Amino acid sequence: MTVVVSDNNPNFFLLEELAAFRAHALKAVQQGRGQLCILCATLDAPLYNTDEFRDAVRTLVTHDRYGQARFLVKDIRPMIENGHRLLQLAHRLPGKVEVRKLTVAPMNTDSAWLVVDNATLLYKHDDATYNGYVDYAAAPKCKLLLEEFTNLWELYGEEDPNLRQQLL
């Protein structure tokens, strides 16, 4: 697993492969106290469609009465066609876990990210590759990303009927 620790910031790690992203995504959610937001193209199955990650999200949102996980996804087709553990979790915990289709492109159309508790950031420079970083003390950057996320969620996050049909 390729991880490079920053000399200046012990909370910052450069990540260069799926295994590193998977380990840090899981760690970030397991350390969280109640809030998770993910913005990505397809809710990256190799990264997020695992039993461990789903269980960590379930624990995160049920541990706190205000716990919540929100996922903004640009292309929901792979989730519908192949299934996804987080989509199944959203059906079991409505109001706690929500998935919406993004109807417009965000400011940085290529990046993808995960924010936990307004402080931890897992960032992919290009959604199609595993190259980026995790910062466990990124509150200022998280604040900016979450402002964009909230705006996109409220204005351009669509509750696609195809996501609801999975309940049948």
Foldseek 3Di string as FASTA:
>chain_A
DDWAADPVANQKIWWFALVVLQVVLLVLLQPFQAEKEKEAAACDCSRQQDPSNLVSLVCRHVVDVRHAYEYEYQDPVCCLVPNGSLLVVCVVDPPRYYYFYFPDAAPQNAKIWMDGPLAKIDIDNGRVGTTGMIGRGRNVVSVVVVVSVVVRCVPGTHPDVSSVVVVD
